C-alpha atoms as a PDB file:
ATOM      1  CA  MET A   1      -0.072  -0.183   0.018  1.00  0.00           C
ATOM      2  CA  ASN A   2       1.384   3.473  -0.670  1.00  0.00           C
ATOM      3  CA  LYS A   3       1.783   6.255   1.737  1.00  0.00           C
ATOM      4  CA  LYS A   4      -1.407   8.274   0.173  1.00  0.00           C
ATOM      5  CA  VAL A   5      -3.636   5.183   0.673  1.00  0.00           C
ATOM      6  CA  LYS A   6      -2.461   4.505   4.211  1.00  0.00           C
ATOM      7  CA  CYS A   7      -2.944   8.099   5.349  1.00  0.00           C
ATOM      8  CA  LEU A   8      -6.527   8.118   3.846  1.00  0.00           C
ATOM      9  CA  LEU A   9      -7.320   4.838   5.733  1.00  0.00           C
ATOM     10  CA  LEU A  10      -5.946   6.277   8.764  1.00  0.00           C
ATOM     11  CA  SER A  11      -7.830   9.664   8.323  1.00  0.00           C
ATOM     12  CA  ILE A  12     -11.160   7.833   7.790  1.00  0.00           C
ATOM     13  CA  THR A  13     -10.560   5.351  10.866  1.00  0.00           C
ATOM     14  CA  LEU A  14      -9.757   8.604  13.056  1.00  0.00           C
ATOM     15  CA  LEU A  15     -12.819  10.350  11.763  1.00  0.00           C
ATOM     16  CA  SER A  16     -15.273   7.587  12.124  1.00  0.00           C
ATOM     17  CA  CYS A  17     -14.090   7.160  15.637  1.00  0.00           C
ATOM     18  CA  TYR A  18     -14.484  11.044  16.449  1.00  0.00           C
ATOM     19  CA  LEU A  19     -17.931  10.989  14.734  1.00  0.00           C
ATOM     20  CA  SER A  20     -19.356   8.011  16.346  1.00  0.00           C
ATOM     21  CA  LYS A  21     -18.229   9.170  19.796  1.00  0.00           C
ATOM     22  CA  GLY A  22     -18.619   5.722  21.015  1.00  0.00           C
ATOM     23  CA  GLN A  23     -19.200   4.784  24.485  1.00  0.00           C
ATOM     24  CA  TYR A  24     -17.410   1.452  26.160  1.00  0.00           C
ATOM     25  CA  PHE A  25     -19.709  -0.536  28.595  1.00  0.00           C
ATOM     26  CA  PRO A  26     -17.651  -3.034  30.591  1.00  0.00           C
ATOM     27  CA  ALA A  27     -20.801  -4.896  31.137  1.00  0.00           C
ATOM     28  CA  ASP A  28     -23.055  -6.675  28.735  1.00  0.00           C
ATOM     29  CA  THR A  29     -25.813  -4.210  29.004  1.00  0.00           C
ATOM     30  CA  LEU A  30     -28.122  -5.973  26.537  1.00  0.00           C
ATOM     31  CA  ASN A  31     -27.704  -8.824  28.736  1.00  0.00           C
ATOM     32  CA  LEU A  32     -28.047  -7.158  31.680  1.00  0.00           C
ATOM     33  CA  ASN A  33     -31.120  -5.373  30.678  1.00  0.00           C
ATOM     34  CA  LYS A  34     -32.579  -8.642  29.547  1.00  0.00           C
ATOM     35  CA  THR A  35     -31.886 -10.753  32.598  1.00  0.00           C
ATOM     36  CA  TYR A  36     -33.521  -7.876  34.892  1.00  0.00           C
ATOM     37  CA  GLU A  37     -36.537  -8.003  32.719  1.00  0.00           C
ATOM     38  CA  ALA A  38     -36.647 -11.964  33.305  1.00  0.00           C
ATOM     39  CA  PHE A  39     -36.281 -11.400  36.683  1.00  0.00           C
ATOM     40  CA  LEU A  40     -39.129  -8.883  37.069  1.00  0.00           C
ATOM     41  CA  ASN A  41     -41.377 -11.184  34.882  1.00  0.00           C
ATOM     42  CA  GLU A  42     -40.634 -14.243  37.269  1.00  0.00           C
ATOM     43  CA  PRO A  43     -39.222 -12.995  40.204  1.00  0.00           C
ATOM     44  CA  THR A  44     -39.417 -16.335  42.474  1.00  0.00           C
ATOM     45  CA  SER A  45     -37.420 -18.049  39.917  1.00  0.00           C
ATOM     46  CA  TYR A  46     -33.738 -19.019  41.156  1.00  0.00           C
ATOM     47  CA  HIS A  47     -32.191 -19.121  37.694  1.00  0.00           C
ATOM     48  CA  ASN A  48     -33.664 -15.623  36.841  1.00  0.00           C
ATOM     49  CA  GLN A  49     -32.234 -14.246  40.418  1.00  0.00           C
ATOM     50  CA  MET A  50     -28.830 -15.778  39.482  1.00  0.00           C
ATOM     51  CA  ALA A  51     -28.975 -14.758  35.802  1.00  0.00           C
ATOM     52  CA  PHE A  52     -29.274 -11.094  36.840  1.00  0.00           C
ATOM     53  CA  LEU A  53     -26.835 -11.468  39.508  1.00  0.00           C
ATOM     54  CA  ASP A  54     -24.391 -12.893  36.754  1.00  0.00           C
ATOM     55  CA  ALA A  55     -24.880 -10.031  34.322  1.00  0.00           C
ATOM     56  CA  PHE A  56     -24.457  -7.493  36.781  1.00  0.00           C
ATOM     57  CA  PRO A  57     -21.293  -5.371  36.904  1.00  0.00           C
ATOM     58  CA  LYS A  58     -18.420  -7.446  39.182  1.00  0.00           C
ATOM     59  CA  ASN A  59     -16.636  -4.545  40.390  1.00  0.00           C
ATOM     60  CA  PHE A  60     -17.061  -0.878  41.179  1.00  0.00           C
ATOM     61  CA  ARG A  61     -14.959   0.644  38.487  1.00  0.00           C
ATOM     62  CA  ASP A  62     -17.268  -1.456  35.762  1.00  0.00           C
ATOM     63  CA  PHE A  63     -20.357  -0.488  38.186  1.00  0.00           C
ATOM     64  CA  LEU A  64     -19.551   3.205  37.661  1.00  0.00           C
ATOM     65  CA  MET A  65     -19.010   3.056  33.943  1.00  0.00           C
ATOM     66  CA  VAL A  66     -22.168   1.470  33.285  1.00  0.00           C
ATOM     67  CA  TYR A  67     -24.285   3.733  35.852  1.00  0.00           C
ATOM     68  CA  GLN A  68     -22.369   6.908  35.578  1.00  0.00           C
ATOM     69  CA  PHE A  69     -24.115  10.252  34.578  1.00  0.00           C
ATOM     70  CA  GLN A  70     -22.317  12.119  31.864  1.00  0.00           C
ATOM     71  CA  LYS A  71     -23.057  15.698  30.621  1.00  0.00           C
ATOM     72  CA  GLY A  72     -23.302  16.066  26.933  1.00  0.00           C
ATOM     73  CA  GLN A  73     -26.136  15.535  24.289  1.00  0.00           C
ATOM     74  CA  ASP A  74     -24.369  12.641  22.765  1.00  0.00           C
ATOM     75  CA  TYR A  75     -23.952  10.311  25.489  1.00  0.00           C
ATOM     76  CA  ASP A  76     -26.293   7.641  26.329  1.00  0.00           C
ATOM     77  CA  LEU A  77     -28.071   7.797  29.747  1.00  0.00           C
ATOM     78  CA  THR A  78     -29.897   4.882  29.215  1.00  0.00           C
ATOM     79  CA  MET A  79     -28.091   2.854  31.688  1.00  0.00           C
ATOM     80  CA  TYR A  80     -27.825   5.819  34.256  1.00  0.00           C
ATOM     81  CA  TYR A  81     -31.507   6.007  34.386  1.00  0.00           C
ATOM     82  CA  LYS A  82     -31.915   2.303  34.778  1.00  0.00           C
ATOM     83  CA  GLY A  83     -29.302   2.142  37.317  1.00  0.00           C
ATOM     84  CA  VAL A  84     -31.595   3.002  40.449  1.00  0.00           C
ATOM     85  CA  ASP A  85     -34.462   0.208  39.264  1.00  0.00           C
ATOM     86  CA  HIS A  86     -31.485  -2.435  38.728  1.00  0.00           C
ATOM     87  CA  ILE A  87     -30.159  -1.816  42.476  1.00  0.00           C
ATOM     88  CA  ILE A  88     -33.811  -0.885  44.204  1.00  0.00           C
ATOM     89  CA  SER A  89     -36.118  -3.630  42.202  1.00  0.00           C
ATOM     90  CA  GLY A  90     -33.193  -5.798  41.141  1.00  0.00           C
ATOM     91  CA  LEU A  91     -30.475  -6.693  43.859  1.00  0.00           C
ATOM     92  CA  TYR A  92     -32.313  -5.803  46.953  1.00  0.00           C
ATOM     93  CA  LYS A  93     -34.900  -8.306  46.018  1.00  0.00           C
ATOM     94  CA  LEU A  94     -32.567 -11.346  45.151  1.00  0.00           C
ATOM     95  CA  ASP A  95     -33.893 -13.700  48.012  1.00  0.00           C
ATOM     96  CA  LEU A  96     -33.458 -16.892  46.852  1.00  0.00           C
ATOM     97  CA  ILE A  97     -29.318 -16.772  45.993  1.00  0.00           C
ATOM     98  CA  PRO A  98     -27.675 -18.254  49.120  1.00  0.00           C
ATOM     99  CA  ASP A  99     -26.377 -15.407  51.391  1.00  0.00           C
ATOM    100  CA  THR A 100     -22.652 -16.285  51.095  1.00  0.00           C
ATOM    101  CA  THR A 101     -22.771 -16.220  47.401  1.00  0.00           C
ATOM    102  CA  PHE A 102     -24.925 -12.863  47.581  1.00  0.00           C
ATOM    103  CA  CYS A 103     -22.673 -11.182  50.093  1.00  0.00           C
ATOM    104  CA  ASP A 104     -19.588 -12.238  48.641  1.00  0.00           C
ATOM    105  CA  ARG A 105     -20.712 -10.447  45.246  1.00  0.00           C
ATOM    106  CA  ILE A 106     -21.852  -7.193  46.897  1.00  0.00           C
ATOM    107  CA  ILE A 107     -18.644  -6.720  48.838  1.00  0.00           C
ATOM    108  CA  TRP A 108     -16.480  -7.441  45.925  1.00  0.00           C
ATOM    109  CA  LEU A 109     -18.435  -5.058  44.070  1.00  0.00           C
ATOM    110  CA  SER A 110     -18.065  -2.515  46.994  1.00  0.00           C
ATOM    111  CA  LEU A 111     -14.423  -2.778  46.841  1.00  0.00           C
ATOM    112  CA  GLY A 112     -12.660   0.519  45.990  1.00  0.00           C
ATOM    113  CA  GLY A 113     -16.063   2.431  45.989  1.00  0.00           C
ATOM    114  CA  PHE A 114     -16.581   5.588  46.973  1.00  0.00           C
ATOM    115  CA  TRP A 115     -20.049   7.860  47.546  1.00  0.00           C
ATOM    116  CA  GLU A 116     -21.552   9.616  44.886  1.00  0.00           C
ATOM    117  CA  ALA A 117     -25.192  10.562  44.009  1.00  0.00           C
ATOM    118  CA  ASP A 118     -27.537   8.161  42.383  1.00  0.00           C
ATOM    119  CA  ALA A 119     -26.387   4.470  41.919  1.00  0.00           C
ATOM    120  CA  PRO A 120     -23.415   4.355  44.151  1.00  0.00           C
ATOM    121  CA  SER A 121     -25.314   5.680  46.867  1.00  0.00           C
ATOM    122  CA  TYR A 122     -28.258   3.294  46.340  1.00  0.00           C
ATOM    123  CA  LEU A 123     -25.314   0.600  46.625  1.00  0.00           C
ATOM    124  CA  GLN A 124     -24.078   2.005  49.639  1.00  0.00           C
ATOM    125  CA  ARG A 125     -27.581   1.701  51.238  1.00  0.00           C
ATOM    126  CA  LEU A 126     -27.580  -1.886  49.998  1.00  0.00           C
ATOM    127  CA  LEU A 127     -24.538  -2.747  51.777  1.00  0.00           C
ATOM    128  CA  HIS A 128     -25.568  -0.991  55.152  1.00  0.00           C
ATOM    129  CA  ARG A 129     -29.008  -3.317  54.700  1.00  0.00           C
ATOM    130  CA  LEU A 130     -26.639  -6.256  54.393  1.00  0.00           C
ATOM    131  CA  VAL A 131     -24.851  -5.385  57.228  1.00  0.00           C
ATOM    132  CA  ALA A 132     -27.983  -4.814  59.501  1.00  0.00           C
ATOM    133  CA  GLU A 133     -29.807  -7.972  58.353  1.00  0.00           C
ATOM    134  CA  LYS A 134     -26.850 -10.399  57.778  1.00  0.00           C
ATOM    135  CA  ARG A 135     -24.426  -9.083  60.056  1.00  0.00           C
ATOM    136  CA  ASP A 136     -22.944 -12.318  60.892  1.00  0.00           C
ATOM    137  CA  VAL A 137     -22.516 -13.804  57.294  1.00  0.00           C
ATOM    138  CA  MET A 138     -21.060 -10.366  56.161  1.00  0.00           C
ATOM    139  CA  PHE A 139     -18.556 -10.226  58.835  1.00  0.00           C
ATOM    140  CA  GLU A 140     -17.486 -13.910  58.257  1.00  0.00           C
ATOM    141  CA  ARG A 141     -17.218 -13.046  54.456  1.00  0.00           C
ATOM    142  CA  LEU A 142     -15.398 -10.107  55.437  1.00  0.00           C
ATOM    143  CA  SER A 143     -12.867 -11.774  57.288  1.00  0.00           C
ATOM    144  CA  LYS A 144     -11.861 -14.073  54.324  1.00  0.00           C
ATOM    145  CA  LEU A 145     -10.578 -10.665  52.658  1.00  0.00           C
ATOM    146  CA  ASN A 146      -7.180  -9.132  53.328  1.00  0.00           C
ATOM    147  CA  ALA A 147      -6.694  -6.095  55.267  1.00  0.00           C
ATOM    148  CA  GLY A 148      -6.313  -3.877  52.452  1.00  0.00           C
ATOM    149  CA  GLN A 149      -9.730  -5.164  50.874  1.00  0.00           C
ATOM    150  CA  GLN A 150     -11.179  -4.935  54.013  1.00  0.00           C
ATOM    151  CA  VAL A 151     -10.536  -1.290  54.470  1.00  0.00           C
ATOM    152  CA  SER A 152     -11.683  -0.607  51.200  1.00  0.00           C
ATOM    153  CA  PHE A 153     -15.147  -2.103  51.962  1.00  0.00           C
ATOM    154  CA  TRP A 154     -15.038  -0.089  55.058  1.00  0.00           C
ATOM    155  CA  PHE A 155     -14.152   2.727  53.487  1.00  0.00           C
ATOM    156  CA  PHE A 156     -17.072   2.683  50.952  1.00  0.00           C
ATOM    157  CA  TYR A 157     -19.462   1.589  53.685  1.00  0.00           C
ATOM    158  CA  PHE A 158     -18.980   4.912  55.661  1.00  0.00           C
ATOM    159  CA  HIS A 159     -18.015   7.540  52.854  1.00  0.00           C
ATOM    160  CA  SER A 160     -20.365  10.047  53.760  1.00  0.00           C
ATOM    161  CA  ARG A 161     -20.746  13.738  54.315  1.00  0.00           C
ATOM    162  CA  PHE A 162     -21.322  13.038  57.919  1.00  0.00           C
ATOM    163  CA  GLU A 163     -20.455  10.840  60.773  1.00  0.00           C
ATOM    164  CA  LYS A 164     -22.309   7.383  61.313  1.00  0.00           C
ATOM    165  CA  THR A 165     -20.790   7.299  64.983  1.00  0.00           C
ATOM    166  CA  GLU A 166     -23.860   5.441  66.204  1.00  0.00           C
ATOM    167  CA  GLU A 167     -23.610   2.549  63.549  1.00  0.00           C
ATOM    168  CA  TYR A 168     -19.837   2.638  63.983  1.00  0.00           C
ATOM    169  CA  ASN A 169     -20.039   2.155  67.880  1.00  0.00           C
ATOM    170  CA  ILE A 170     -22.694  -0.652  67.551  1.00  0.00           C
ATOM    171  CA  LEU A 171     -20.385  -2.552  65.184  1.00  0.00           C
ATOM    172  CA  LEU A 172     -17.428  -2.129  67.296  1.00  0.00           C
ATOM    173  CA  ARG A 173     -19.621  -3.300  70.592  1.00  0.00           C
ATOM    174  CA  ASP A 174     -21.264  -6.421  68.851  1.00  0.00           C
ATOM    175  CA  MET A 175     -18.800  -7.564  66.221  1.00  0.00           C
ATOM    176  CA  ASN A 176     -15.091  -7.145  67.925  1.00  0.00           C
ATOM    177  CA  ALA A 177     -15.144 -10.367  69.978  1.00  0.00           C
ATOM    178  CA  ASN A 178     -15.627 -12.482  66.988  1.00  0.00           C
ATOM    179  CA  TYR A 179     -13.938 -10.880  64.096  1.00  0.00           C
ATOM    180  CA  PRO A 180     -11.175  -8.463  65.804  1.00  0.00           C
ATOM    181  CA  ALA A 181      -9.077  -8.029  62.362  1.00  0.00           C
ATOM    182  CA  VAL A 182     -12.116  -7.049  60.453  1.00  0.00           C
ATOM    183  CA  ILE A 183     -13.028  -4.636  63.167  1.00  0.00           C
ATOM    184  CA  GLU A 184      -9.408  -3.079  63.253  1.00  0.00           C
ATOM    185  CA  SER A 185      -9.821  -2.430  59.439  1.00  0.00           C
ATOM    186  CA  MET A 186     -12.995  -0.764  60.016  1.00  0.00           C
ATOM    187  CA  LYS A 187     -11.050   1.722  62.583  1.00  0.00           C
ATOM    188  CA  LEU A 188      -8.739   2.460  60.029  1.00  0.00           C
ATOM    189  CA  ALA A 189     -11.226   3.291  57.574  1.00  0.00           C
ATOM    190  CA  TYR A 190     -13.791   4.801  59.261  1.00  0.00           C
ATOM    191  CA  PRO A 191     -11.803   8.564  60.122  1.00  0.00           C
ATOM    192  CA  ALA A 192     -10.811   8.453  56.488  1.00  0.00           C
ATOM    193  CA  ALA A 193     -14.240   7.954  55.013  1.00  0.00           C
ATOM    194  CA  PHE A 194     -16.765  10.367  57.084  1.00  0.00           C
ATOM    195  CA  GLY A 195     -17.248  14.124  56.372  1.00  0.00           C
ATOM    196  CA  LYS A 196     -14.931  13.300  53.029  1.00  0.00           C
ATOM    197  CA  VAL A 197     -17.560  13.553  50.285  1.00  0.00           C
ATOM    198  CA  TRP A 198     -17.687  17.153  48.571  1.00  0.00           C
ATOM    199  CA  TYR A 199     -19.861  18.501  46.041  1.00  0.00           C
END
């Protein structure tokens, strides 16, 4: 190929990339939406619940990329608007999946997380609900992680504009005897997380 043809092909490729302004979603959003709809249509199906959980983003970076808000006319906000439903009407209602499986997935999803309006804040609420309702399972699963991962979990858990002293003290009191290493990680993360959200 001569130099002019190569230049022309490169120019066409660059121009098409620029004009398409393509978005990259790290999760298969078509499958995610399809499994969510199947779950809504038959919520008592273990298969549908597991399929939706399997299609859901696996880590916080991917979660944020799928459900983030981006300004601009050319950005497709479909997944941003579906985020709340996927969490509130989806994740919150997966009650047939074994606790250890579900808690593991949500813990791994939260690692590296930080509070932000919309989808991350709803995910954080789910964490608080799980710790309140399935405290022993959550702490047992957290105990399997290394200290850095535990600190990362607790950072997202407590990341807020406001202190959550009462909740912190309850966990400290109730769980220190059985899970001292997890509590030590919580102690490290707590002062770094509360009051650190700015707009």
